[in-house]
């Protein structure tokens, strides 16, 4: 079982969208029983709350259900539990480096590293923008999640041989 945690600042926009997108991809490719995913925020601003309604609406239009997700904050134990902790931007990365024990820092990575053609590691936060920002961010998340899926499929193939 591979365990992946998606992390943004408040866990109501980018990381729940990434969790929803990746869950859908895993189900489509028959890998939902081999990969466990979750999302969290670096800050406790919205703990227990549903994803932003704009994120829910935009994702829903693409067949991605975020309705059951609830925001939570990253905990120290997450670094032990998860194999890969994917952050949405440099600020999230820097925040986690300070809370992550040194033996787990190799697990930290940027989600957009799986979509190098986008030319950035930083996924913009659409929270203060309009709905078009959520559309653009979801496009970027979908690209990165497809790259992540290819990476995991290659890894699973190598381990099987």
N, C-alpha and C. Protein backbone atom coordinates (compact mmCIF):
# COMPACT_ATOMS: atom_id res chain seq x y z
N UNK A 1 0.84 -1.18 0.00
CA UNK A 1 0.00 0.00 0.00
C UNK A 1 0.89 1.24 0.00
N UNK A 2 0.65 2.12 -0.95
CA UNK A 2 1.36 3.41 -1.03
C UNK A 2 0.44 4.45 -0.39
N UNK A 3 1.00 5.32 0.43
CA UNK A 3 0.21 6.34 1.14
C UNK A 3 0.70 7.73 0.74
N UNK A 4 -0.24 8.55 0.27
CA UNK A 4 0.10 9.89 -0.23
C UNK A 4 -0.77 10.93 0.48
N UNK A 5 -0.13 12.00 0.93
CA UNK A 5 -0.82 13.12 1.57
C UNK A 5 -0.63 14.36 0.72
N UNK A 6 -1.73 15.02 0.35
CA UNK A 6 -1.70 16.29 -0.38
C UNK A 6 -1.87 17.41 0.63
N UNK A 7 -1.01 18.44 0.54
CA UNK A 7 -1.01 19.51 1.55
C UNK A 7 -1.03 20.89 0.90
N UNK A 8 -1.98 21.72 1.38
CA UNK A 8 -1.99 23.15 1.05
C UNK A 8 -2.07 23.92 2.37
N UNK A 9 -2.44 25.17 2.33
CA UNK A 9 -2.44 25.96 3.55
C UNK A 9 -3.63 25.64 4.46
N UNK A 10 -4.85 25.75 3.96
CA UNK A 10 -6.02 25.59 4.81
C UNK A 10 -6.79 24.31 4.61
N UNK A 11 -6.44 23.53 3.59
CA UNK A 11 -7.09 22.26 3.27
C UNK A 11 -8.56 22.43 2.89
N UNK A 12 -8.85 23.54 2.17
CA UNK A 12 -10.23 23.70 1.67
C UNK A 12 -10.28 23.98 0.16
N UNK A 13 -9.14 24.19 -0.47
CA UNK A 13 -9.14 24.47 -1.92
C UNK A 13 -8.26 23.47 -2.68
N UNK A 14 -6.96 23.72 -2.70
CA UNK A 14 -6.06 22.95 -3.55
C UNK A 14 -5.89 21.49 -3.13
N UNK A 15 -5.58 21.24 -1.86
CA UNK A 15 -5.32 19.86 -1.47
C UNK A 15 -6.57 18.98 -1.52
N UNK A 16 -7.77 19.45 -1.16
CA UNK A 16 -8.92 18.57 -1.35
C UNK A 16 -9.24 18.34 -2.83
N UNK A 17 -8.98 19.35 -3.67
CA UNK A 17 -9.18 19.12 -5.11
C UNK A 17 -8.21 18.06 -5.60
N UNK A 18 -6.95 18.13 -5.14
CA UNK A 18 -5.97 17.12 -5.55
C UNK A 18 -6.37 15.74 -5.04
N UNK A 19 -6.85 15.66 -3.82
CA UNK A 19 -7.31 14.38 -3.28
C UNK A 19 -8.45 13.83 -4.12
N UNK A 20 -9.41 14.68 -4.46
CA UNK A 20 -10.55 14.23 -5.26
C UNK A 20 -10.15 13.79 -6.66
N UNK A 21 -9.31 14.58 -7.32
CA UNK A 21 -8.83 14.24 -8.66
C UNK A 21 -8.08 12.91 -8.64
N UNK A 22 -7.17 12.77 -7.67
CA UNK A 22 -6.35 11.56 -7.66
C UNK A 22 -7.17 10.33 -7.28
N UNK A 23 -8.14 10.50 -6.40
CA UNK A 23 -9.01 9.37 -6.04
C UNK A 23 -9.78 8.89 -7.27
N UNK A 24 -10.27 9.83 -8.06
CA UNK A 24 -10.99 9.47 -9.29
C UNK A 24 -10.07 8.72 -10.25
N UNK A 25 -8.84 9.20 -10.41
CA UNK A 25 -7.87 8.52 -11.29
C UNK A 25 -7.56 7.11 -10.79
N UNK A 26 -7.37 6.98 -9.50
CA UNK A 26 -7.08 5.65 -8.93
C UNK A 26 -8.23 4.69 -9.19
N UNK A 27 -9.44 5.15 -9.03
CA UNK A 27 -10.61 4.30 -9.27
C UNK A 27 -10.71 3.93 -10.76
N UNK A 28 -10.47 4.89 -11.63
CA UNK A 28 -10.54 4.63 -13.07
C UNK A 28 -9.50 3.61 -13.52
N UNK A 29 -8.37 3.56 -12.85
CA UNK A 29 -7.28 2.66 -13.23
C UNK A 29 -7.18 1.41 -12.35
N UNK A 30 -8.18 1.21 -11.51
CA UNK A 30 -8.21 0.01 -10.68
C UNK A 30 -7.13 -0.05 -9.62
N UNK A 31 -6.71 1.11 -9.14
CA UNK A 31 -5.61 1.16 -8.16
C UNK A 31 -6.05 1.67 -6.78
N UNK A 32 -7.34 1.88 -6.60
CA UNK A 32 -7.83 2.47 -5.35
C UNK A 32 -7.52 1.59 -4.13
N UNK A 33 -7.35 0.30 -4.35
CA UNK A 33 -7.03 -0.60 -3.23
C UNK A 33 -5.53 -0.69 -2.97
N UNK A 34 -4.72 -0.02 -3.80
CA UNK A 34 -3.27 -0.09 -3.64
C UNK A 34 -2.64 1.23 -3.19
N UNK A 35 -3.45 2.30 -3.23
CA UNK A 35 -2.94 3.62 -2.87
C UNK A 35 -3.94 4.29 -1.93
N UNK A 36 -3.47 4.68 -0.76
CA UNK A 36 -4.29 5.40 0.21
C UNK A 36 -3.93 6.88 0.12
N UNK A 37 -4.93 7.73 0.03
CA UNK A 37 -4.65 9.17 -0.06
C UNK A 37 -5.46 9.93 0.97
N UNK A 38 -4.96 11.12 1.28
CA UNK A 38 -5.62 12.03 2.22
C UNK A 38 -5.12 13.43 1.88
N UNK A 39 -5.71 14.42 2.52
CA UNK A 39 -5.23 15.79 2.36
C UNK A 39 -5.27 16.49 3.71
N UNK A 40 -4.47 17.54 3.84
CA UNK A 40 -4.38 18.28 5.09
C UNK A 40 -3.86 19.69 4.79
N UNK A 41 -3.92 20.54 5.79
CA UNK A 41 -3.42 21.90 5.66
C UNK A 41 -2.28 22.15 6.63
N UNK A 42 -1.43 23.09 6.27
CA UNK A 42 -0.34 23.46 7.17
C UNK A 42 -0.85 24.31 8.33
N UNK A 43 -2.01 24.94 8.16
CA UNK A 43 -2.60 25.80 9.19
C UNK A 43 -3.97 25.27 9.59
N UNK A 44 -4.41 25.64 10.78
CA UNK A 44 -5.67 25.12 11.34
C UNK A 44 -6.86 26.05 11.11
N UNK A 45 -6.78 26.90 10.09
CA UNK A 45 -7.82 27.89 9.85
C UNK A 45 -9.22 27.28 9.69
N UNK A 46 -9.32 26.14 9.04
CA UNK A 46 -10.63 25.61 8.64
C UNK A 46 -10.88 24.17 9.12
N UNK A 47 -10.20 23.74 10.15
CA UNK A 47 -10.31 22.35 10.63
C UNK A 47 -11.79 21.98 10.82
N UNK A 48 -12.16 20.83 10.24
CA UNK A 48 -13.52 20.31 10.35
C UNK A 48 -14.49 20.85 9.32
N UNK A 49 -14.07 21.82 8.54
CA UNK A 49 -14.96 22.44 7.55
C UNK A 49 -14.88 21.70 6.21
N UNK A 50 -15.94 21.85 5.43
CA UNK A 50 -16.00 21.30 4.07
C UNK A 50 -15.10 22.13 3.16
N UNK A 51 -14.73 21.56 2.01
CA UNK A 51 -13.97 22.36 1.04
C UNK A 51 -14.74 23.61 0.61
N UNK A 52 -14.03 24.59 0.13
CA UNK A 52 -14.61 25.83 -0.36
C UNK A 52 -15.71 25.51 -1.39
N UNK A 53 -16.87 26.16 -1.31
CA UNK A 53 -17.96 25.87 -2.26
C UNK A 53 -17.56 26.01 -3.72
N UNK A 54 -16.63 26.93 -4.01
CA UNK A 54 -16.18 27.10 -5.39
C UNK A 54 -15.38 25.88 -5.85
N UNK A 55 -14.57 25.32 -4.96
CA UNK A 55 -13.81 24.11 -5.27
C UNK A 55 -14.78 22.94 -5.49
N UNK A 56 -15.78 22.83 -4.62
CA UNK A 56 -16.76 21.76 -4.73
C UNK A 56 -17.51 21.86 -6.05
N UNK A 57 -17.91 23.06 -6.43
CA UNK A 57 -18.67 23.27 -7.66
C UNK A 57 -17.83 22.96 -8.91
N UNK A 58 -16.63 23.50 -8.97
CA UNK A 58 -15.76 23.29 -10.13
C UNK A 58 -15.40 21.80 -10.26
N UNK A 59 -15.06 21.17 -9.15
CA UNK A 59 -14.72 19.75 -9.18
C UNK A 59 -15.94 18.92 -9.58
N UNK A 60 -17.08 19.26 -9.02
CA UNK A 60 -18.31 18.53 -9.33
C UNK A 60 -18.66 18.57 -10.80
N UNK A 61 -18.37 19.68 -11.46
CA UNK A 61 -18.63 19.81 -12.90
C UNK A 61 -17.76 18.84 -13.71
N UNK A 62 -16.70 18.34 -13.09
CA UNK A 62 -15.82 17.38 -13.76
C UNK A 62 -16.00 15.97 -13.19
N UNK A 63 -17.07 15.76 -12.45
CA UNK A 63 -17.36 14.43 -11.92
C UNK A 63 -16.55 14.04 -10.71
N UNK A 64 -16.06 15.03 -9.99
CA UNK A 64 -15.23 14.77 -8.80
C UNK A 64 -16.02 15.23 -7.58
N UNK A 65 -16.28 14.31 -6.66
CA UNK A 65 -17.07 14.61 -5.48
C UNK A 65 -16.17 14.92 -4.29
N UNK A 66 -16.28 16.14 -3.78
CA UNK A 66 -15.50 16.56 -2.62
C UNK A 66 -16.37 16.67 -1.37
N UNK A 67 -17.64 16.28 -1.50
CA UNK A 67 -18.63 16.51 -0.45
C UNK A 67 -18.33 15.88 0.90
N UNK A 68 -17.64 14.77 0.93
CA UNK A 68 -17.37 14.08 2.20
C UNK A 68 -16.07 14.53 2.86
N UNK A 69 -15.27 15.31 2.16
CA UNK A 69 -13.97 15.72 2.71
C UNK A 69 -14.14 16.80 3.77
N UNK A 70 -13.28 16.77 4.78
CA UNK A 70 -13.26 17.77 5.84
C UNK A 70 -11.81 18.18 6.08
N UNK A 71 -11.63 19.46 6.31
CA UNK A 71 -10.28 19.99 6.51
C UNK A 71 -9.69 19.51 7.82
N UNK A 72 -8.40 19.26 7.77
CA UNK A 72 -7.63 18.92 8.96
C UNK A 72 -6.24 19.52 8.82
N UNK A 73 -5.54 19.60 9.92
CA UNK A 73 -4.18 20.12 9.90
C UNK A 73 -3.18 18.96 9.89
N UNK A 74 -2.06 19.16 9.24
CA UNK A 74 -0.99 18.17 9.23
C UNK A 74 -0.55 17.92 10.67
N UNK A 75 -0.31 16.66 10.98
CA UNK A 75 0.18 16.26 12.30
C UNK A 75 1.55 15.62 12.15
N UNK A 76 2.33 15.64 13.19
CA UNK A 76 3.68 15.04 13.13
C UNK A 76 3.64 13.58 12.68
N UNK A 77 2.64 12.84 13.13
CA UNK A 77 2.52 11.43 12.78
C UNK A 77 2.31 11.20 11.29
N UNK A 78 1.83 12.22 10.58
CA UNK A 78 1.62 12.08 9.14
C UNK A 78 2.92 11.77 8.41
N UNK A 79 4.02 12.31 8.91
CA UNK A 79 5.30 12.09 8.24
C UNK A 79 5.77 10.65 8.37
N UNK A 80 5.32 9.98 9.41
CA UNK A 80 5.63 8.55 9.57
C UNK A 80 4.65 7.70 8.76
N UNK A 81 3.37 8.09 8.77
CA UNK A 81 2.32 7.29 8.14
C UNK A 81 2.38 7.33 6.61
N UNK A 82 2.69 8.48 6.04
CA UNK A 82 2.63 8.64 4.59
C UNK A 82 4.00 8.44 3.95
N UNK A 83 3.97 7.87 2.75
CA UNK A 83 5.19 7.64 1.98
C UNK A 83 5.61 8.86 1.18
N UNK A 84 4.61 9.68 0.84
CA UNK A 84 4.84 10.85 0.01
C UNK A 84 3.94 11.97 0.51
N UNK A 85 4.51 13.14 0.76
CA UNK A 85 3.77 14.30 1.20
C UNK A 85 3.95 15.36 0.12
N UNK A 86 2.88 15.61 -0.63
CA UNK A 86 2.96 16.50 -1.78
C UNK A 86 2.37 17.86 -1.46
N UNK A 87 3.20 18.87 -1.54
CA UNK A 87 2.79 20.24 -1.22
C UNK A 87 2.40 21.00 -2.48
N UNK A 88 1.62 22.06 -2.26
CA UNK A 88 1.11 22.84 -3.38
C UNK A 88 1.99 24.03 -3.74
N UNK A 89 2.81 24.47 -2.81
CA UNK A 89 3.68 25.61 -3.13
C UNK A 89 4.87 25.68 -2.17
N UNK A 90 5.74 26.62 -2.46
CA UNK A 90 6.98 26.79 -1.70
C UNK A 90 6.71 27.13 -0.24
N UNK A 91 5.69 27.93 0.03
CA UNK A 91 5.35 28.30 1.40
C UNK A 91 4.97 27.05 2.21
N UNK A 92 4.15 26.17 1.62
CA UNK A 92 3.77 24.93 2.30
C UNK A 92 5.00 24.06 2.54
N UNK A 93 5.87 23.99 1.55
CA UNK A 93 7.09 23.19 1.68
C UNK A 93 7.94 23.68 2.84
N UNK A 94 8.18 25.00 2.85
CA UNK A 94 9.02 25.58 3.90
C UNK A 94 8.41 25.36 5.28
N UNK A 95 7.08 25.47 5.38
CA UNK A 95 6.40 25.25 6.66
C UNK A 95 6.60 23.82 7.13
N UNK A 96 6.46 22.86 6.22
CA UNK A 96 6.58 21.46 6.60
C UNK A 96 8.01 21.04 6.92
N UNK A 97 8.97 21.66 6.27
CA UNK A 97 10.37 21.33 6.56
C UNK A 97 10.67 21.57 8.04
N UNK A 98 10.07 22.60 8.63
CA UNK A 98 10.31 22.91 10.04
C UNK A 98 9.62 21.95 10.98
N UNK A 99 8.53 21.30 10.55
CA UNK A 99 7.80 20.39 11.44
C UNK A 99 8.13 18.93 11.19
N UNK A 100 8.78 18.66 10.09
CA UNK A 100 9.08 17.29 9.69
C UNK A 100 10.44 16.87 10.24
N UNK A 101 10.48 15.71 10.88
CA UNK A 101 11.76 15.18 11.37
C UNK A 101 12.68 14.92 10.18
N UNK A 102 13.96 15.11 10.38
CA UNK A 102 14.92 15.02 9.27
C UNK A 102 14.88 13.67 8.55
N UNK A 103 14.59 12.58 9.26
CA UNK A 103 14.57 11.27 8.61
C UNK A 103 13.38 11.10 7.66
N UNK A 104 12.42 12.05 7.69
CA UNK A 104 11.26 11.96 6.80
C UNK A 104 11.25 13.04 5.72
N UNK A 105 12.22 13.91 5.70
CA UNK A 105 12.20 15.03 4.73
C UNK A 105 12.25 14.56 3.29
N UNK A 106 12.79 13.38 3.06
CA UNK A 106 12.85 12.85 1.69
C UNK A 106 11.44 12.58 1.13
N UNK A 107 10.44 12.54 1.99
CA UNK A 107 9.07 12.28 1.57
C UNK A 107 8.39 13.54 1.05
N UNK A 108 8.93 14.71 1.34
CA UNK A 108 8.35 15.98 0.90
C UNK A 108 8.66 16.22 -0.57
N UNK A 109 7.64 16.63 -1.31
CA UNK A 109 7.81 16.93 -2.73
C UNK A 109 6.71 17.90 -3.14
N UNK A 110 6.87 18.48 -4.30
CA UNK A 110 5.86 19.38 -4.85
C UNK A 110 4.96 18.60 -5.80
N UNK A 111 3.65 18.79 -5.70
CA UNK A 111 2.72 18.13 -6.61
C UNK A 111 3.06 18.48 -8.06
N UNK A 112 3.36 19.74 -8.32
CA UNK A 112 3.59 20.16 -9.71
C UNK A 112 4.91 19.65 -10.29
N UNK A 113 5.74 19.01 -9.48
CA UNK A 113 6.92 18.36 -10.04
C UNK A 113 6.51 17.21 -10.96
N UNK A 114 5.29 16.74 -10.83
CA UNK A 114 4.78 15.67 -11.68
C UNK A 114 4.14 16.21 -12.96
N UNK A 115 4.23 17.52 -13.15
CA UNK A 115 3.78 18.17 -14.38
C UNK A 115 4.82 19.21 -14.78
N UNK A 116 6.05 18.76 -15.11
CA UNK A 116 7.13 19.71 -15.38
C UNK A 116 6.85 20.63 -16.56
N UNK A 117 5.98 20.20 -17.47
CA UNK A 117 5.65 21.03 -18.63
C UNK A 117 4.94 22.33 -18.23
N UNK A 118 4.42 22.40 -16.99
CA UNK A 118 3.77 23.62 -16.53
C UNK A 118 4.77 24.72 -16.19
N UNK A 119 6.03 24.33 -15.96
CA UNK A 119 7.09 25.31 -15.74
C UNK A 119 7.09 25.99 -14.37
N UNK A 120 6.41 25.40 -13.40
CA UNK A 120 6.40 25.96 -12.05
C UNK A 120 6.19 24.86 -11.04
N UNK A 121 6.66 25.10 -9.84
CA UNK A 121 6.41 24.18 -8.73
C UNK A 121 5.28 24.71 -7.86
N UNK A 122 4.94 25.98 -8.04
CA UNK A 122 3.98 26.65 -7.17
C UNK A 122 2.59 26.69 -7.79
N UNK A 123 1.68 25.99 -7.16
CA UNK A 123 0.28 25.99 -7.58
C UNK A 123 -0.40 27.18 -6.93
N UNK A 124 -0.94 28.12 -7.72
CA UNK A 124 -1.54 29.31 -7.13
C UNK A 124 -2.72 28.96 -6.23
N UNK A 125 -2.89 29.74 -5.18
CA UNK A 125 -4.02 29.56 -4.27
C UNK A 125 -5.20 30.36 -4.83
N UNK A 126 -6.30 29.68 -5.21
CA UNK A 126 -7.42 30.39 -5.81
C UNK A 126 -8.38 31.02 -4.80
N UNK A 127 -8.10 30.88 -3.51
CA UNK A 127 -9.03 31.28 -2.46
C UNK A 127 -9.53 32.72 -2.61
N UNK A 128 -8.63 33.65 -2.91
CA UNK A 128 -9.01 35.06 -2.96
C UNK A 128 -9.43 35.52 -4.36
N UNK A 129 -9.48 34.59 -5.30
CA UNK A 129 -9.87 34.94 -6.66
C UNK A 129 -11.28 34.48 -6.98
N UNK A 130 -11.61 34.57 -8.24
CA UNK A 130 -12.93 34.16 -8.69
C UNK A 130 -12.94 32.72 -9.15
N UNK A 131 -14.05 32.32 -9.71
CA UNK A 131 -14.23 30.94 -10.12
C UNK A 131 -13.25 30.52 -11.22
N UNK A 132 -12.86 31.44 -12.07
CA UNK A 132 -11.93 31.10 -13.15
C UNK A 132 -10.59 30.63 -12.57
N UNK A 133 -10.20 31.19 -11.43
CA UNK A 133 -8.97 30.74 -10.78
C UNK A 133 -9.06 29.29 -10.33
N UNK A 134 -10.23 28.88 -9.86
CA UNK A 134 -10.43 27.49 -9.46
C UNK A 134 -10.36 26.57 -10.67
N UNK A 135 -10.89 27.01 -11.80
CA UNK A 135 -10.82 26.21 -13.03
C UNK A 135 -9.37 26.00 -13.44
N UNK A 136 -8.61 27.07 -13.45
CA UNK A 136 -7.20 26.99 -13.86
C UNK A 136 -6.40 26.10 -12.92
N UNK A 137 -6.61 26.27 -11.62
CA UNK A 137 -5.90 25.47 -10.64
C UNK A 137 -6.28 24.00 -10.78
N UNK A 138 -7.55 23.72 -11.03
CA UNK A 138 -7.98 22.33 -11.21
C UNK A 138 -7.35 21.73 -12.47
N UNK A 139 -7.21 22.53 -13.52
CA UNK A 139 -6.51 22.05 -14.73
C UNK A 139 -5.08 21.62 -14.38
N UNK A 140 -4.40 22.45 -13.61
CA UNK A 140 -3.02 22.16 -13.23
C UNK A 140 -2.94 20.92 -12.34
N UNK A 141 -3.89 20.80 -11.42
CA UNK A 141 -3.93 19.63 -10.53
C UNK A 141 -4.15 18.37 -11.34
N UNK A 142 -5.06 18.42 -12.30
CA UNK A 142 -5.32 17.24 -13.13
C UNK A 142 -4.06 16.83 -13.89
N UNK A 143 -3.35 17.79 -14.46
CA UNK A 143 -2.09 17.48 -15.16
C UNK A 143 -1.10 16.81 -14.23
N UNK A 144 -0.92 17.38 -13.04
CA UNK A 144 0.05 16.84 -12.09
C UNK A 144 -0.37 15.46 -11.59
N UNK A 145 -1.65 15.27 -11.34
CA UNK A 145 -2.12 13.97 -10.85
C UNK A 145 -1.96 12.88 -11.91
N UNK A 146 -2.13 13.24 -13.16
CA UNK A 146 -1.88 12.27 -14.22
C UNK A 146 -0.41 11.89 -14.27
N UNK A 147 0.47 12.87 -14.09
CA UNK A 147 1.90 12.58 -14.03
C UNK A 147 2.26 11.74 -12.80
N UNK A 148 1.64 12.03 -11.68
CA UNK A 148 1.86 11.25 -10.46
C UNK A 148 1.39 9.81 -10.67
N UNK A 149 0.25 9.64 -11.31
CA UNK A 149 -0.26 8.29 -11.57
C UNK A 149 0.72 7.51 -12.45
N UNK A 150 1.22 8.13 -13.51
CA UNK A 150 2.21 7.46 -14.37
C UNK A 150 3.45 7.07 -13.57
N UNK A 151 3.90 7.97 -12.71
CA UNK A 151 5.07 7.70 -11.87
C UNK A 151 4.81 6.49 -10.97
N UNK A 152 3.65 6.43 -10.33
CA UNK A 152 3.33 5.31 -9.45
C UNK A 152 3.18 4.01 -10.22
N UNK A 153 2.56 4.09 -11.38
CA UNK A 153 2.42 2.88 -12.21
C UNK A 153 3.80 2.34 -12.60
N UNK A 154 4.72 3.22 -12.97
CA UNK A 154 6.08 2.80 -13.30
C UNK A 154 6.76 2.17 -12.07
N UNK A 155 6.58 2.80 -10.92
CA UNK A 155 7.17 2.28 -9.67
C UNK A 155 6.61 0.91 -9.35
N UNK A 156 5.31 0.72 -9.49
CA UNK A 156 4.69 -0.57 -9.20
C UNK A 156 5.16 -1.64 -10.18
N UNK A 157 5.36 -1.25 -11.42
CA UNK A 157 5.85 -2.19 -12.44
C UNK A 157 7.27 -2.63 -12.11
N UNK A 158 8.13 -1.67 -11.71
CA UNK A 158 9.50 -2.00 -11.34
C UNK A 158 9.53 -2.93 -10.14
N UNK A 159 8.67 -2.67 -9.16
CA UNK A 159 8.64 -3.52 -7.96
C UNK A 159 8.12 -4.91 -8.25
N UNK A 160 7.28 -5.05 -9.27
CA UNK A 160 6.70 -6.35 -9.62
C UNK A 160 7.68 -7.23 -10.37
N UNK A 161 8.72 -6.61 -10.95
CA UNK A 161 9.68 -7.41 -11.74
C UNK A 161 10.96 -7.69 -10.98
